[in-house]
PDB file of N, CA and C in Angstrom:
ATOM      1  N   MET A   1      16.354   6.347  -2.676  1.00  0.00           N
ATOM      2  CA  MET A   1      15.220   5.956  -1.996  1.00  0.00           C
ATOM      3  C   MET A   1      14.963   4.600  -2.795  1.00  0.00           C
ATOM      4  N   THR A   2      14.797   3.487  -1.802  1.00  0.00           N
ATOM      5  CA  THR A   2      14.737   2.086  -2.564  1.00  0.00           C
ATOM      6  C   THR A   2      12.918   1.655  -2.671  1.00  0.00           C
ATOM      7  N   SER A   3      12.940   1.203  -3.807  1.00  0.00           N
ATOM      8  CA  SER A   3      11.313   0.709  -4.156  1.00  0.00           C
ATOM      9  C   SER A   3      11.205  -0.392  -3.026  1.00  0.00           C
ATOM     10  N   ALA A   4       9.787  -0.617  -2.842  1.00  0.00           N
ATOM     11  CA  ALA A   4       9.262  -1.607  -1.901  1.00  0.00           C
ATOM     12  C   ALA A   4       9.294  -3.134  -2.707  1.00  0.00           C
ATOM     13  N   SER A   5       9.511  -2.928  -4.046  1.00  0.00           N
ATOM     14  CA  SER A   5       9.443  -4.112  -4.954  1.00  0.00           C
ATOM     15  C   SER A   5      10.729  -4.521  -4.902  1.00  0.00           C
ATOM     16  N   ASN A   6      11.759  -4.178  -4.604  1.00  0.00           N
ATOM     17  CA  ASN A   6      13.092  -4.815  -4.369  1.00  0.00           C
ATOM     18  C   ASN A   6      13.225  -5.807  -3.452  1.00  0.00           C
ATOM     19  N   TYR A   7      12.359  -5.590  -2.464  1.00  0.00           N
ATOM     20  CA  TYR A   7      12.422  -6.602  -1.266  1.00  0.00           C
ATOM     21  C   TYR A   7      10.952  -7.701  -1.372  1.00  0.00           C
ATOM     22  N   SER A   8      11.501  -9.005  -0.614  1.00  0.00           N
ATOM     23  CA  SER A   8      10.571  -9.956  -0.848  1.00  0.00           C
ATOM     24  C   SER A   8       9.288  -9.941   0.457  1.00  0.00           C
ATOM     25  N   PHE A   9       8.306 -10.160   0.575  1.00  0.00           N
ATOM     26  CA  PHE A   9       6.981 -10.088   1.396  1.00  0.00           C
ATOM     27  C   PHE A   9       7.752 -10.492   2.981  1.00  0.00           C
ATOM     28  N   LYS A  10       8.410 -11.617   3.189  1.00  0.00           N
ATOM     29  CA  LYS A  10       8.994 -12.057   4.399  1.00  0.00           C
ATOM     30  C   LYS A  10      10.173 -11.038   4.594  1.00  0.00           C
ATOM     31  N   GLU A  11      10.951 -10.339   3.884  1.00  0.00           N
ATOM     32  CA  GLU A  11      11.766  -9.679   4.143  1.00  0.00           C
ATOM     33  C   GLU A  11      11.711  -8.359   4.635  1.00  0.00           C
ATOM     34  N   GLN A  12      10.474  -8.016   4.878  1.00  0.00           N
ATOM     35  CA  GLN A  12       9.985  -6.617   5.488  1.00  0.00           C
ATOM     36  C   GLN A  12       9.591  -6.698   6.601  1.00  0.00           C
ATOM     37  N   ASP A  13       9.815  -5.803   7.608  1.00  0.00           N
ATOM     38  CA  ASP A  13       9.277  -5.775   8.944  1.00  0.00           C
ATOM     39  C   ASP A  13       8.272  -4.953   9.110  1.00  0.00           C
ATOM     40  N   PHE A  14       7.145  -5.737   9.409  1.00  0.00           N
ATOM     41  CA  PHE A  14       5.760  -5.009   9.590  1.00  0.00           C
ATOM     42  C   PHE A  14       5.278  -5.072  10.929  1.00  0.00           C
ATOM     43  N   HIS A  15       5.146  -3.719  11.214  1.00  0.00           N
ATOM     44  CA  HIS A  15       4.749  -3.249  12.674  1.00  0.00           C
ATOM     45  C   HIS A  15       3.652  -2.466  12.308  1.00  0.00           C
ATOM     46  N   ILE A  16       2.061  -3.337  12.995  1.00  0.00           N
ATOM     47  CA  ILE A  16       1.193  -2.401  13.148  1.00  0.00           C
ATOM     48  C   ILE A  16       0.686  -2.238  14.781  1.00  0.00           C
ATOM     49  N   PRO A  17       0.766  -0.857  14.628  1.00  0.00           N
ATOM     50  CA  PRO A  17       0.322  -0.123  16.002  1.00  0.00           C
ATOM     51  C   PRO A  17      -0.954  -0.608  16.410  1.00  0.00           C
ATOM     52  N   ILE A  18      -1.282  -1.022  17.545  1.00  0.00           N
ATOM     53  CA  ILE A  18      -2.557  -1.186  17.974  1.00  0.00           C
ATOM     54  C   ILE A  18      -2.582  -0.529  19.459  1.00  0.00           C
ATOM     55  N   ALA A  19      -3.944   0.266  19.589  1.00  0.00           N
ATOM     56  CA  ALA A  19      -4.105   0.877  20.572  1.00  0.00           C
ATOM     57  C   ALA A  19      -5.475   0.367  21.436  1.00  0.00           C
ATOM     58  N   PHE A  20      -5.257   0.565  22.683  1.00  0.00           N
ATOM     59  CA  PHE A  20      -6.614   0.294  23.225  1.00  0.00           C
ATOM     60  C   PHE A  20      -7.024   1.646  24.355  1.00  0.00           C
ATOM     61  N   ALA A  21      -8.083   1.515  24.356  1.00  0.00           N
ATOM     62  CA  ALA A  21      -8.977   2.617  25.372  1.00  0.00           C
ATOM     63  C   ALA A  21     -10.047   2.005  26.089  1.00  0.00           C
ATOM     64  N   PHE A  22     -10.059   2.031  27.399  1.00  0.00           N
ATOM     65  CA  PHE A  22     -11.257   1.230  27.935  1.00  0.00           C
ATOM     66  C   PHE A  22     -11.486   2.262  29.565  1.00  0.00           C
ATOM     67  N   ASP A  23     -12.702   2.423  29.959  1.00  0.00           N
ATOM     68  CA  ASP A  23     -12.877   2.948  31.186  1.00  0.00           C
ATOM     69  C   ASP A  23     -12.983   2.003  32.324  1.00  0.00           C
ATOM     70  N   LYS A  24     -13.097   2.376  33.303  1.00  0.00           N
ATOM     71  CA  LYS A  24     -12.921   1.592  34.466  1.00  0.00           C
ATOM     72  C   LYS A  24     -14.167   0.471  34.431  1.00  0.00           C
ATOM     73  N   ASN A  25     -15.199   0.554  33.826  1.00  0.00           N
ATOM     74  CA  ASN A  25     -16.005  -0.263  33.854  1.00  0.00           C
ATOM     75  C   ASN A  25     -15.806  -1.519  33.107  1.00  0.00           C
ATOM     76  N   TYR A  26     -14.660  -1.592  32.214  1.00  0.00           N
ATOM     77  CA  TYR A  26     -14.227  -2.475  31.402  1.00  0.00           C
ATOM     78  C   TYR A  26     -12.717  -3.092  31.529  1.00  0.00           C
ATOM     79  N   LEU A  27     -12.522  -3.242  32.662  1.00  0.00           N
ATOM     80  CA  LEU A  27     -11.061  -3.701  33.344  1.00  0.00           C
ATOM     81  C   LEU A  27     -10.715  -5.410  32.873  1.00  0.00           C
ATOM     82  N   ILE A  28     -11.984  -5.995  33.434  1.00  0.00           N
ATOM     83  CA  ILE A  28     -11.664  -7.196  33.245  1.00  0.00           C
ATOM     84  C   ILE A  28     -11.515  -7.781  31.714  1.00  0.00           C
ATOM     85  N   PRO A  29     -12.617  -7.285  30.857  1.00  0.00           N
ATOM     86  CA  PRO A  29     -12.827  -7.522  29.630  1.00  0.00           C
ATOM     87  C   PRO A  29     -11.480  -7.045  28.870  1.00  0.00           C
ATOM     88  N   ALA A  30     -10.859  -5.783  29.347  1.00  0.00           N
ATOM     89  CA  ALA A  30      -9.496  -5.182  28.898  1.00  0.00           C
ATOM     90  C   ALA A  30      -8.528  -6.236  29.208  1.00  0.00           C
ATOM     91  N   GLY A  31      -8.425  -6.547  30.129  1.00  0.00           N
ATOM     92  CA  GLY A  31      -7.575  -7.424  30.680  1.00  0.00           C
ATOM     93  C   GLY A  31      -7.125  -8.925  29.919  1.00  0.00           C
ATOM     94  N   ALA A  32      -8.541  -9.053  29.566  1.00  0.00           N
ATOM     95  CA  ALA A  32      -8.852 -10.640  28.816  1.00  0.00           C
ATOM     96  C   ALA A  32      -8.059 -10.159  27.176  1.00  0.00           C
ATOM     97  N   CYS A  33      -8.758  -9.133  26.675  1.00  0.00           N
ATOM     98  CA  CYS A  33      -8.211  -8.987  25.536  1.00  0.00           C
ATOM     99  C   CYS A  33      -6.927  -8.575  25.330  1.00  0.00           C
ATOM    100  N   ILE A  34      -6.240  -8.082  26.317  1.00  0.00           N
ATOM    101  CA  ILE A  34      -4.873  -7.881  26.033  1.00  0.00           C
ATOM    102  C   ILE A  34      -3.749  -9.117  26.343  1.00  0.00           C
ATOM    103  N   TYR A  35      -4.440  -9.964  27.140  1.00  0.00           N
ATOM    104  CA  TYR A  35      -3.808 -11.151  27.554  1.00  0.00           C
ATOM    105  C   TYR A  35      -4.006 -12.260  26.258  1.00  0.00           C
ATOM    106  N   SER A  36      -5.054 -12.150  25.551  1.00  0.00           N
ATOM    107  CA  SER A  36      -5.439 -12.956  24.165  1.00  0.00           C
ATOM    108  C   SER A  36      -4.440 -12.544  23.469  1.00  0.00           C
ATOM    109  N   LEU A  37      -4.153 -11.170  23.321  1.00  0.00           N
ATOM    110  CA  LEU A  37      -3.442 -10.710  22.087  1.00  0.00           C
ATOM    111  C   LEU A  37      -2.046 -11.034  22.472  1.00  0.00           C
ATOM    112  N   LEU A  38      -1.517 -10.815  23.792  1.00  0.00           N
ATOM    113  CA  LEU A  38      -0.147 -11.287  23.877  1.00  0.00           C
ATOM    114  C   LEU A  38       0.199 -13.083  23.728  1.00  0.00           C
ATOM    115  N   GLU A  39      -1.000 -13.814  24.048  1.00  0.00           N
ATOM    116  CA  GLU A  39      -0.765 -15.150  23.957  1.00  0.00           C
ATOM    117  C   GLU A  39      -0.568 -15.734  22.530  1.00  0.00           C
ATOM    118  N   SER A  40      -1.466 -15.161  21.671  1.00  0.00           N
ATOM    119  CA  SER A  40      -1.610 -15.518  20.473  1.00  0.00           C
ATOM    120  C   SER A  40      -0.295 -14.916  19.636  1.00  0.00           C
ATOM    121  N   THR A  41       0.256 -13.935  20.086  1.00  0.00           N
ATOM    122  CA  THR A  41       1.358 -13.524  19.426  1.00  0.00           C
ATOM    123  C   THR A  41       2.465 -14.548  19.698  1.00  0.00           C
ATOM    124  N   ALA A  42       2.452 -14.946  21.139  1.00  0.00           N
ATOM    125  CA  ALA A  42       3.550 -15.945  21.341  1.00  0.00           C
ATOM    126  C   ALA A  42       3.825 -17.021  20.572  1.00  0.00           C
ATOM    127  N   LYS A  43       2.012 -17.427  20.123  1.00  0.00           N
ATOM    128  CA  LYS A  43       2.270 -18.764  19.562  1.00  0.00           C
ATOM    129  C   LYS A  43       2.490 -18.719  18.330  1.00  0.00           C
ATOM    130  N   ALA A  44       2.155 -17.475  17.706  1.00  0.00           N
ATOM    131  CA  ALA A  44       2.277 -17.236  16.329  1.00  0.00           C
ATOM    132  C   ALA A  44       3.794 -17.026  15.943  1.00  0.00           C
ATOM    133  N   ASN A  45       4.556 -16.618  16.986  1.00  0.00           N
ATOM    134  CA  ASN A  45       6.327 -16.377  16.819  1.00  0.00           C
ATOM    135  C   ASN A  45       6.705 -17.868  16.920  1.00  0.00           C
ATOM    136  N   LYS A  46       6.181 -18.721  17.663  1.00  0.00           N
ATOM    137  CA  LYS A  46       6.860 -20.302  17.738  1.00  0.00           C
ATOM    138  C   LYS A  46       6.554 -20.867  16.432  1.00  0.00           C
ATOM    139  N   LYS A  47       5.574 -20.633  15.790  1.00  0.00           N
ATOM    140  CA  LYS A  47       5.279 -21.534  14.667  1.00  0.00           C
ATOM    141  C   LYS A  47       5.382 -20.773  13.114  1.00  0.00           C
ATOM    142  N   SER A  48       5.602 -19.612  13.137  1.00  0.00           N
ATOM    143  CA  SER A  48       6.226 -18.650  11.767  1.00  0.00           C
ATOM    144  C   SER A  48       7.510 -18.424  11.837  1.00  0.00           C
ATOM    145  N   VAL A  49       8.000 -18.561  10.734  1.00  0.00           N
ATOM    146  CA  VAL A  49       9.379 -17.740  10.500  1.00  0.00           C
ATOM    147  C   VAL A  49       9.428 -16.127  10.548  1.00  0.00           C
ATOM    148  N   THR A  50       8.496 -15.653  10.325  1.00  0.00           N
ATOM    149  CA  THR A  50       8.138 -14.352  10.337  1.00  0.00           C
ATOM    150  C   THR A  50       7.220 -13.837  11.790  1.00  0.00           C
ATOM    151  N   PRO A  51       8.274 -13.253  12.354  1.00  0.00           N
ATOM    152  CA  PRO A  51       7.896 -12.872  14.154  1.00  0.00           C
ATOM    153  C   PRO A  51       6.904 -11.667  13.876  1.00  0.00           C
ATOM    154  N   TYR A  52       6.298 -11.535  14.940  1.00  0.00           N
ATOM    155  CA  TYR A  52       5.288 -10.613  15.240  1.00  0.00           C
ATOM    156  C   TYR A  52       5.838  -9.845  16.560  1.00  0.00           C
ATOM    157  N   THR A  53       5.714  -8.536  16.530  1.00  0.00           N
ATOM    158  CA  THR A  53       6.026  -7.717  17.694  1.00  0.00           C
ATOM    159  C   THR A  53       5.108  -7.051  18.193  1.00  0.00           C
ATOM    160  N   LEU A  54       5.207  -6.813  19.595  1.00  0.00           N
ATOM    161  CA  LEU A  54       4.361  -5.777  20.271  1.00  0.00           C
ATOM    162  C   LEU A  54       5.061  -4.824  20.946  1.00  0.00           C
TER     163      LEU A  54
END
């Protein structure tokens, strides 16, 4: 087993799972939320060396 201290912060792959739960009354806000998340992820991937994945 390899210790996490053997790797630099940038070398590690980080995946943070995100879950959404909405009812039918929140379809428009849910769409805006998911669209905003996807858009900000795309912008971050262009600027950063460390990519984000969804």
